């Protein structure tokens, strides 16, 4: 493999991209355990409503918070995608450059570089790669879809992952 390989592609930050990004990189699993906090809020609100002389509006407020928490967990993906679609970067073109130093993504609104030396783990799925990185105070993950990567770029990433 050529040591000075550079791969460039472009893609649009559209709804399909955001949905794929969420599906492939989200760690939220809907289980009864994650609804515990909302259940506690609803139960606490019912206790206040039924067994204390506190104003009923306060009890209904706590119950509503519990319901809102449960709804926000259940509809987490559509809510996340909607927030991304409302951002000013939505529907903008992103230029992606992958080289020996790292992964550079540039758009009119944002520019970021993830160095290979900062990548601590890479998860590969059928649709893309999730890069987990730790660059000082900047810790996070970034998603690369295989749909906008050439076969050579995917081979290059595969070889870089083996070096990590």
N, C-alpha and C. Protein backbone atom coordinates (compact mmCIF):
# COMPACT_ATOMS: atom_id res chain seq x y z
N UNK A 1 0.85 -1.18 0.00
CA UNK A 1 0.00 0.00 0.00
C UNK A 1 0.89 1.24 0.00
N UNK A 2 0.58 2.17 -0.82
CA UNK A 2 1.33 3.41 -0.95
C UNK A 2 1.25 4.21 0.34
N UNK A 3 2.39 4.65 0.85
CA UNK A 3 2.44 5.36 2.13
C UNK A 3 1.87 6.77 2.06
N UNK A 4 1.78 7.36 0.84
CA UNK A 4 1.27 8.72 0.73
C UNK A 4 -0.13 8.73 0.13
N UNK A 5 -0.94 7.78 0.52
CA UNK A 5 -2.30 7.66 -0.01
C UNK A 5 -3.19 8.76 0.56
N UNK A 6 -3.97 9.35 -0.33
CA UNK A 6 -4.97 10.34 0.07
C UNK A 6 -6.26 10.02 -0.67
N UNK A 7 -7.35 9.96 0.08
CA UNK A 7 -8.65 9.65 -0.49
C UNK A 7 -9.59 10.79 -0.17
N UNK A 8 -10.30 11.27 -1.19
CA UNK A 8 -11.21 12.39 -1.02
C UNK A 8 -12.57 12.01 -1.57
N UNK A 9 -13.60 12.41 -0.85
CA UNK A 9 -14.96 12.23 -1.34
C UNK A 9 -15.84 13.33 -0.75
N UNK A 10 -17.02 13.45 -1.30
CA UNK A 10 -17.98 14.44 -0.78
C UNK A 10 -19.31 13.74 -0.55
N UNK A 11 -20.07 14.29 0.37
CA UNK A 11 -21.41 13.79 0.63
C UNK A 11 -22.26 14.92 1.20
N UNK A 12 -23.55 14.71 1.23
CA UNK A 12 -24.50 15.71 1.71
C UNK A 12 -25.03 15.26 3.07
N UNK A 13 -25.09 16.20 4.01
CA UNK A 13 -25.66 15.92 5.33
C UNK A 13 -27.19 15.98 5.23
N UNK A 14 -27.77 14.89 4.77
CA UNK A 14 -29.22 14.83 4.61
C UNK A 14 -29.83 13.88 5.63
N UNK A 15 -31.14 13.74 5.56
CA UNK A 15 -31.85 12.91 6.54
C UNK A 15 -31.40 11.45 6.49
N UNK A 16 -31.17 10.94 5.30
CA UNK A 16 -30.72 9.55 5.17
C UNK A 16 -29.37 9.35 5.85
N UNK A 17 -28.46 10.32 5.66
CA UNK A 17 -27.15 10.23 6.30
C UNK A 17 -27.28 10.27 7.83
N UNK A 18 -28.10 11.18 8.34
CA UNK A 18 -28.27 11.29 9.79
C UNK A 18 -28.90 10.03 10.38
N UNK A 19 -29.87 9.45 9.69
CA UNK A 19 -30.49 8.21 10.18
C UNK A 19 -29.47 7.07 10.21
N UNK A 20 -28.67 6.95 9.17
CA UNK A 20 -27.64 5.90 9.14
C UNK A 20 -26.62 6.14 10.24
N UNK A 21 -26.22 7.38 10.41
CA UNK A 21 -25.24 7.73 11.44
C UNK A 21 -25.76 7.36 12.83
N UNK A 22 -27.02 7.67 13.10
CA UNK A 22 -27.58 7.33 14.42
C UNK A 22 -27.67 5.82 14.61
N UNK A 23 -28.20 5.12 13.61
CA UNK A 23 -28.37 3.66 13.74
C UNK A 23 -27.05 2.95 13.97
N UNK A 24 -26.00 3.41 13.31
CA UNK A 24 -24.73 2.72 13.39
C UNK A 24 -23.88 3.12 14.59
N UNK A 25 -24.13 4.30 15.17
CA UNK A 25 -23.25 4.76 16.25
C UNK A 25 -23.93 4.90 17.61
N UNK A 26 -25.23 4.79 17.66
CA UNK A 26 -25.93 4.95 18.93
C UNK A 26 -25.73 3.73 19.82
N UNK A 27 -25.60 3.99 21.10
CA UNK A 27 -25.45 2.91 22.07
C UNK A 27 -26.70 2.75 22.94
N UNK A 28 -27.73 3.53 22.65
CA UNK A 28 -28.98 3.46 23.43
C UNK A 28 -29.75 2.19 23.08
N UNK A 29 -30.05 1.41 24.10
CA UNK A 29 -30.84 0.19 23.93
C UNK A 29 -32.11 0.34 24.76
N UNK A 30 -33.25 0.24 24.09
CA UNK A 30 -34.51 0.38 24.81
C UNK A 30 -34.76 -0.88 25.64
N UNK A 31 -34.70 -0.70 26.94
CA UNK A 31 -34.95 -1.79 27.86
C UNK A 31 -35.69 -1.20 29.06
N UNK A 32 -36.33 -2.04 29.87
CA UNK A 32 -37.03 -1.52 31.05
C UNK A 32 -36.10 -0.74 31.99
N UNK A 33 -34.84 -1.09 32.02
CA UNK A 33 -33.89 -0.44 32.92
C UNK A 33 -33.73 1.06 32.63
N UNK A 34 -33.73 1.44 31.34
CA UNK A 34 -33.52 2.86 31.04
C UNK A 34 -34.77 3.69 31.32
N UNK A 35 -35.93 3.03 31.47
CA UNK A 35 -37.16 3.75 31.80
C UNK A 35 -37.36 3.87 33.31
N UNK A 36 -36.38 3.45 34.09
CA UNK A 36 -36.49 3.47 35.55
C UNK A 36 -36.73 4.89 36.07
N UNK A 37 -35.94 5.85 35.59
CA UNK A 37 -36.06 7.23 36.08
C UNK A 37 -37.45 7.80 35.78
N UNK A 38 -37.98 7.53 34.60
CA UNK A 38 -39.31 8.04 34.28
C UNK A 38 -40.37 7.37 35.15
N UNK A 39 -40.19 6.09 35.41
CA UNK A 39 -41.13 5.38 36.29
C UNK A 39 -41.11 5.93 37.71
N UNK A 40 -39.91 6.26 38.20
CA UNK A 40 -39.78 6.83 39.54
C UNK A 40 -40.46 8.19 39.59
N UNK A 41 -40.27 9.01 38.57
CA UNK A 41 -40.91 10.33 38.55
C UNK A 41 -42.44 10.21 38.53
N UNK A 42 -42.96 9.30 37.72
CA UNK A 42 -44.41 9.12 37.66
C UNK A 42 -44.94 8.60 38.99
N UNK A 43 -44.26 7.64 39.59
CA UNK A 43 -44.67 7.10 40.89
C UNK A 43 -44.62 8.17 41.98
N UNK A 44 -43.54 8.95 41.98
CA UNK A 44 -43.41 10.03 42.97
C UNK A 44 -44.53 11.06 42.80
N UNK A 45 -44.83 11.40 41.54
CA UNK A 45 -45.92 12.34 41.29
C UNK A 45 -47.27 11.80 41.76
N UNK A 46 -47.52 10.51 41.55
CA UNK A 46 -48.77 9.90 42.01
C UNK A 46 -48.86 9.87 43.53
N UNK A 47 -47.73 9.61 44.19
CA UNK A 47 -47.71 9.63 45.66
C UNK A 47 -48.04 11.03 46.17
N UNK A 48 -47.42 12.04 45.56
CA UNK A 48 -47.70 13.43 45.96
C UNK A 48 -49.17 13.75 45.72
N UNK A 49 -49.69 13.33 44.59
CA UNK A 49 -51.08 13.63 44.23
C UNK A 49 -52.08 12.95 45.16
N UNK A 50 -51.84 11.70 45.50
CA UNK A 50 -52.82 10.93 46.25
C UNK A 50 -52.67 11.01 47.77
N UNK A 51 -51.46 11.18 48.28
CA UNK A 51 -51.25 11.04 49.72
C UNK A 51 -50.73 12.27 50.44
N UNK A 52 -50.61 13.39 49.75
CA UNK A 52 -50.14 14.61 50.43
C UNK A 52 -51.06 15.77 50.12
N UNK A 53 -51.03 16.78 50.99
CA UNK A 53 -51.87 17.95 50.75
C UNK A 53 -51.21 18.98 49.82
N UNK A 54 -50.12 18.61 49.17
CA UNK A 54 -49.42 19.53 48.28
C UNK A 54 -50.32 19.84 47.08
N UNK A 55 -50.12 21.02 46.53
CA UNK A 55 -50.89 21.48 45.38
C UNK A 55 -50.85 20.43 44.26
N UNK A 56 -51.99 20.13 43.68
CA UNK A 56 -52.08 19.10 42.64
C UNK A 56 -51.29 19.48 41.39
N UNK A 57 -51.12 20.78 41.14
CA UNK A 57 -50.34 21.20 39.97
C UNK A 57 -48.89 20.71 40.06
N UNK A 58 -48.32 20.74 41.25
CA UNK A 58 -46.94 20.26 41.43
C UNK A 58 -46.87 18.76 41.16
N UNK A 59 -47.86 18.01 41.63
CA UNK A 59 -47.87 16.56 41.40
C UNK A 59 -48.01 16.25 39.91
N UNK A 60 -48.93 16.95 39.24
CA UNK A 60 -49.12 16.72 37.81
C UNK A 60 -47.88 17.14 37.01
N UNK A 61 -47.16 18.15 37.49
CA UNK A 61 -45.92 18.56 36.84
C UNK A 61 -44.88 17.44 36.91
N UNK A 62 -44.74 16.81 38.08
CA UNK A 62 -43.78 15.72 38.24
C UNK A 62 -44.20 14.52 37.38
N UNK A 63 -45.48 14.22 37.34
CA UNK A 63 -45.97 13.13 36.49
C UNK A 63 -45.68 13.43 35.02
N UNK A 64 -45.92 14.67 34.60
CA UNK A 64 -45.65 15.06 33.22
C UNK A 64 -44.16 14.95 32.89
N UNK A 65 -43.29 15.28 33.85
CA UNK A 65 -41.86 15.12 33.63
C UNK A 65 -41.50 13.66 33.40
N UNK A 66 -42.12 12.77 34.17
CA UNK A 66 -41.87 11.34 34.00
C UNK A 66 -42.33 10.85 32.63
N UNK A 67 -43.50 11.30 32.20
CA UNK A 67 -44.01 10.90 30.89
C UNK A 67 -43.11 11.48 29.79
N UNK A 68 -42.71 12.73 29.93
CA UNK A 68 -41.83 13.35 28.95
C UNK A 68 -40.49 12.62 28.85
N UNK A 69 -39.95 12.20 29.98
CA UNK A 69 -38.70 11.44 30.00
C UNK A 69 -38.87 10.12 29.24
N UNK A 70 -39.98 9.42 29.47
CA UNK A 70 -40.22 8.15 28.78
C UNK A 70 -40.39 8.36 27.28
N UNK A 71 -41.12 9.39 26.89
CA UNK A 71 -41.34 9.68 25.47
C UNK A 71 -40.02 10.06 24.80
N UNK A 72 -39.18 10.84 25.50
CA UNK A 72 -37.91 11.25 24.91
C UNK A 72 -36.97 10.06 24.69
N UNK A 73 -37.04 9.07 25.56
CA UNK A 73 -36.24 7.86 25.37
C UNK A 73 -36.77 7.02 24.22
N UNK A 74 -38.08 6.88 24.16
CA UNK A 74 -38.69 6.05 23.13
C UNK A 74 -38.47 6.63 21.73
N UNK A 75 -38.56 7.95 21.62
CA UNK A 75 -38.39 8.62 20.33
C UNK A 75 -37.02 9.29 20.22
N UNK A 76 -36.00 8.67 20.78
CA UNK A 76 -34.66 9.26 20.80
C UNK A 76 -34.10 9.48 19.40
N UNK A 77 -34.19 8.48 18.51
CA UNK A 77 -33.64 8.61 17.16
C UNK A 77 -34.36 9.70 16.36
N UNK A 78 -35.69 9.70 16.27
CA UNK A 78 -36.32 10.77 15.48
C UNK A 78 -36.02 12.16 16.05
N UNK A 79 -35.94 12.27 17.36
CA UNK A 79 -35.64 13.56 17.97
C UNK A 79 -34.22 14.00 17.63
N UNK A 80 -33.25 13.07 17.68
CA UNK A 80 -31.87 13.40 17.35
C UNK A 80 -31.76 13.81 15.87
N UNK A 81 -32.41 13.04 14.99
CA UNK A 81 -32.36 13.35 13.56
C UNK A 81 -33.01 14.70 13.29
N UNK A 82 -34.13 14.98 13.94
CA UNK A 82 -34.80 16.27 13.76
C UNK A 82 -33.89 17.42 14.17
N UNK A 83 -33.20 17.27 15.30
CA UNK A 83 -32.28 18.33 15.75
C UNK A 83 -31.16 18.55 14.75
N UNK A 84 -30.65 17.46 14.16
CA UNK A 84 -29.61 17.60 13.15
C UNK A 84 -30.15 18.28 11.89
N UNK A 85 -31.39 17.94 11.52
CA UNK A 85 -31.98 18.54 10.32
C UNK A 85 -32.28 20.02 10.52
N UNK A 86 -32.50 20.44 11.76
CA UNK A 86 -32.76 21.85 12.03
C UNK A 86 -31.48 22.68 12.15
N UNK A 87 -30.33 22.00 12.21
CA UNK A 87 -29.07 22.73 12.32
C UNK A 87 -28.75 23.42 11.00
N UNK A 88 -27.92 24.44 11.06
CA UNK A 88 -27.60 25.18 9.85
C UNK A 88 -26.72 24.35 8.89
N UNK A 89 -26.06 23.31 9.40
CA UNK A 89 -25.22 22.47 8.56
C UNK A 89 -26.03 21.46 7.74
N UNK A 90 -27.30 21.31 8.05
CA UNK A 90 -28.14 20.35 7.36
C UNK A 90 -28.18 20.66 5.86
N UNK A 91 -28.15 19.61 5.06
CA UNK A 91 -28.17 19.69 3.60
C UNK A 91 -26.98 20.42 3.00
N UNK A 92 -25.90 20.52 3.75
CA UNK A 92 -24.68 21.12 3.20
C UNK A 92 -23.75 20.01 2.73
N UNK A 93 -22.84 20.38 1.86
CA UNK A 93 -21.90 19.41 1.32
C UNK A 93 -20.67 19.34 2.22
N UNK A 94 -20.21 18.12 2.46
CA UNK A 94 -19.03 17.89 3.29
C UNK A 94 -17.96 17.25 2.42
N UNK A 95 -16.75 17.79 2.51
CA UNK A 95 -15.61 17.19 1.81
C UNK A 95 -14.83 16.38 2.83
N UNK A 96 -14.65 15.11 2.55
CA UNK A 96 -13.96 14.19 3.44
C UNK A 96 -12.62 13.82 2.82
N UNK A 97 -11.54 13.98 3.59
CA UNK A 97 -10.20 13.61 3.13
C UNK A 97 -9.59 12.65 4.14
N UNK A 98 -9.18 11.50 3.65
CA UNK A 98 -8.54 10.49 4.50
C UNK A 98 -7.12 10.32 3.99
N UNK A 99 -6.14 10.49 4.90
CA UNK A 99 -4.75 10.34 4.52
C UNK A 99 -3.96 9.69 5.64
N UNK A 100 -2.65 9.71 5.54
CA UNK A 100 -1.79 9.08 6.54
C UNK A 100 -1.90 9.73 7.91
N UNK A 101 -2.25 11.01 7.96
CA UNK A 101 -2.34 11.70 9.25
C UNK A 101 -3.67 11.44 9.96
N UNK A 102 -4.76 11.38 9.20
CA UNK A 102 -6.05 11.18 9.82
C UNK A 102 -7.20 11.41 8.87
N UNK A 103 -8.33 11.80 9.46
CA UNK A 103 -9.56 12.02 8.71
C UNK A 103 -9.95 13.49 8.87
N UNK A 104 -10.05 14.19 7.76
CA UNK A 104 -10.42 15.61 7.76
C UNK A 104 -11.78 15.76 7.12
N UNK A 105 -12.70 16.42 7.82
CA UNK A 105 -14.00 16.72 7.22
C UNK A 105 -14.19 18.23 7.24
N UNK A 106 -14.56 18.76 6.08
CA UNK A 106 -14.72 20.20 5.93
C UNK A 106 -16.06 20.51 5.27
N UNK A 107 -16.75 21.47 5.85
CA UNK A 107 -17.94 22.01 5.22
C UNK A 107 -17.90 23.53 5.43
N UNK A 108 -18.89 24.20 4.91
CA UNK A 108 -18.95 25.65 5.07
C UNK A 108 -19.02 26.05 6.54
N UNK A 109 -19.65 25.19 7.37
CA UNK A 109 -19.92 25.53 8.76
C UNK A 109 -18.96 24.89 9.76
N UNK A 110 -18.25 23.85 9.35
CA UNK A 110 -17.47 23.10 10.34
C UNK A 110 -16.25 22.47 9.68
N UNK A 111 -15.16 22.42 10.44
CA UNK A 111 -13.95 21.75 9.98
C UNK A 111 -13.40 20.97 11.16
N UNK A 112 -13.15 19.67 10.96
CA UNK A 112 -12.60 18.86 12.04
C UNK A 112 -11.59 17.86 11.48
N UNK A 113 -10.62 17.56 12.30
CA UNK A 113 -9.57 16.61 11.92
C UNK A 113 -9.41 15.62 13.06
N UNK A 114 -9.49 14.35 12.74
CA UNK A 114 -9.24 13.29 13.70
C UNK A 114 -7.94 12.62 13.27
N UNK A 115 -6.93 12.72 14.11
CA UNK A 115 -5.64 12.11 13.81
C UNK A 115 -5.68 10.62 14.13
N UNK A 116 -5.01 9.82 13.32
CA UNK A 116 -4.98 8.37 13.56
C UNK A 116 -4.38 8.06 14.92
N UNK A 117 -3.43 8.88 15.36
CA UNK A 117 -2.80 8.63 16.66
C UNK A 117 -3.77 8.83 17.82
N UNK A 118 -4.86 9.60 17.60
CA UNK A 118 -5.86 9.83 18.63
C UNK A 118 -6.98 8.80 18.62
N UNK A 119 -7.05 7.99 17.57
CA UNK A 119 -8.10 6.96 17.46
C UNK A 119 -7.75 5.82 18.39
N UNK A 120 -8.68 5.51 19.31
CA UNK A 120 -8.43 4.45 20.27
C UNK A 120 -9.13 3.14 19.90
N UNK A 121 -10.17 3.25 19.07
CA UNK A 121 -10.91 2.05 18.68
C UNK A 121 -11.72 2.36 17.43
N UNK A 122 -11.89 1.38 16.59
CA UNK A 122 -12.72 1.51 15.39
C UNK A 122 -13.69 0.35 15.35
N UNK A 123 -14.97 0.67 15.25
CA UNK A 123 -16.00 -0.35 15.10
C UNK A 123 -16.43 -0.37 13.65
N UNK A 124 -16.34 -1.53 13.02
CA UNK A 124 -16.79 -1.65 11.64
C UNK A 124 -18.13 -2.37 11.61
N UNK A 125 -19.03 -1.85 10.80
CA UNK A 125 -20.32 -2.50 10.58
C UNK A 125 -20.49 -2.71 9.09
N UNK A 126 -21.61 -3.24 8.68
CA UNK A 126 -21.87 -3.45 7.26
C UNK A 126 -21.96 -2.13 6.50
N UNK A 127 -22.38 -1.07 7.19
CA UNK A 127 -22.61 0.21 6.52
C UNK A 127 -21.51 1.25 6.71
N UNK A 128 -20.63 1.06 7.70
CA UNK A 128 -19.61 2.08 7.91
C UNK A 128 -18.68 1.79 9.06
N UNK A 129 -17.98 2.85 9.50
CA UNK A 129 -17.00 2.77 10.57
C UNK A 129 -17.32 3.82 11.63
N UNK A 130 -17.21 3.43 12.89
CA UNK A 130 -17.32 4.39 13.98
C UNK A 130 -15.93 4.54 14.58
N UNK A 131 -15.38 5.74 14.47
CA UNK A 131 -14.05 6.03 15.02
C UNK A 131 -14.21 6.59 16.42
N UNK A 132 -13.68 5.91 17.41
CA UNK A 132 -13.67 6.40 18.79
C UNK A 132 -12.31 7.06 19.00
N UNK A 133 -12.32 8.32 19.42
CA UNK A 133 -11.06 9.04 19.56
C UNK A 133 -10.97 9.76 20.89
N UNK A 134 -9.74 10.05 21.28
CA UNK A 134 -9.47 10.77 22.52
C UNK A 134 -8.30 11.71 22.23
N UNK A 135 -8.61 12.97 22.00
CA UNK A 135 -7.59 13.97 21.67
C UNK A 135 -7.56 15.02 22.76
N UNK A 136 -6.91 14.71 23.85
CA UNK A 136 -6.87 15.66 24.97
C UNK A 136 -8.23 15.81 25.60
N UNK A 137 -8.79 17.01 25.54
CA UNK A 137 -10.11 17.27 26.10
C UNK A 137 -11.22 16.84 25.15
N UNK A 138 -10.88 16.64 23.88
CA UNK A 138 -11.88 16.25 22.88
C UNK A 138 -11.96 14.73 22.81
N UNK A 139 -13.00 14.19 23.40
CA UNK A 139 -13.23 12.75 23.38
C UNK A 139 -14.58 12.53 22.71
N UNK A 140 -14.64 11.57 21.82
CA UNK A 140 -15.91 11.33 21.16
C UNK A 140 -15.84 10.24 20.14
N UNK A 141 -16.81 10.28 19.23
CA UNK A 141 -16.84 9.31 18.16
C UNK A 141 -17.36 9.99 16.90
N UNK A 142 -16.94 9.46 15.78
CA UNK A 142 -17.32 10.00 14.49
C UNK A 142 -17.66 8.84 13.57
N UNK A 143 -18.62 9.04 12.71
CA UNK A 143 -19.09 7.98 11.83
C UNK A 143 -18.68 8.25 10.38
N UNK A 144 -18.18 7.24 9.73
CA UNK A 144 -17.84 7.28 8.31
C UNK A 144 -18.67 6.22 7.59
N UNK A 145 -19.50 6.64 6.66
CA UNK A 145 -20.32 5.71 5.91
C UNK A 145 -19.54 5.12 4.75
N UNK A 146 -19.69 3.83 4.54
CA UNK A 146 -19.02 3.18 3.41
C UNK A 146 -19.61 3.62 2.08
N UNK A 147 -20.81 4.19 2.10
CA UNK A 147 -21.45 4.58 0.84
C UNK A 147 -20.70 5.70 0.13
N UNK A 148 -19.95 6.51 0.82
CA UNK A 148 -19.18 7.56 0.16
C UNK A 148 -17.67 7.31 0.23
N UNK A 149 -17.28 6.08 0.55
CA UNK A 149 -15.86 5.72 0.55
C UNK A 149 -15.59 4.74 -0.59
N UNK A 150 -14.53 4.98 -1.31
CA UNK A 150 -14.15 4.05 -2.39
C UNK A 150 -13.62 2.76 -1.77
N UNK A 151 -13.51 1.72 -2.59
CA UNK A 151 -12.95 0.45 -2.11
C UNK A 151 -11.52 0.63 -1.63
N UNK A 152 -10.75 1.46 -2.33
CA UNK A 152 -9.36 1.71 -1.91
C UNK A 152 -9.33 2.42 -0.56
N UNK A 153 -10.24 3.37 -0.36
CA UNK A 153 -10.29 4.08 0.93
C UNK A 153 -10.66 3.12 2.05
N UNK A 154 -11.59 2.19 1.78
CA UNK A 154 -11.97 1.22 2.79
C UNK A 154 -10.82 0.28 3.12
N UNK A 155 -10.05 -0.12 2.11
CA UNK A 155 -8.87 -0.95 2.36
C UNK A 155 -7.84 -0.17 3.18
N UNK A 156 -7.68 1.10 2.87
CA UNK A 156 -6.74 1.95 3.61
C UNK A 156 -7.14 2.04 5.09
N UNK A 157 -8.43 2.26 5.35
CA UNK A 157 -8.93 2.32 6.73
C UNK A 157 -8.72 0.97 7.42
N UNK A 158 -8.98 -0.11 6.70
CA UNK A 158 -8.78 -1.45 7.26
C UNK A 158 -7.33 -1.64 7.71
N UNK A 159 -6.38 -1.22 6.88
CA UNK A 159 -4.96 -1.35 7.26
C UNK A 159 -4.60 -0.43 8.42
N UNK A 160 -5.20 0.76 8.46
CA UNK A 160 -4.94 1.67 9.59
C UNK A 160 -5.51 1.10 10.88
N UNK A 161 -6.67 0.45 10.80
CA UNK A 161 -7.29 -0.15 11.99
C UNK A 161 -6.43 -1.27 12.53
N UNK A 162 -5.82 -2.03 11.66
CA UNK A 162 -4.95 -3.12 12.11
C UNK A 162 -3.73 -2.60 12.86
N UNK A 163 -3.32 -1.35 12.56
CA UNK A 163 -2.16 -0.76 13.23
C UNK A 163 -2.50 -0.21 14.62
N UNK A 164 -3.78 0.00 14.87
CA UNK A 164 -4.21 0.61 16.15
C UNK A 164 -4.12 -0.41 17.26
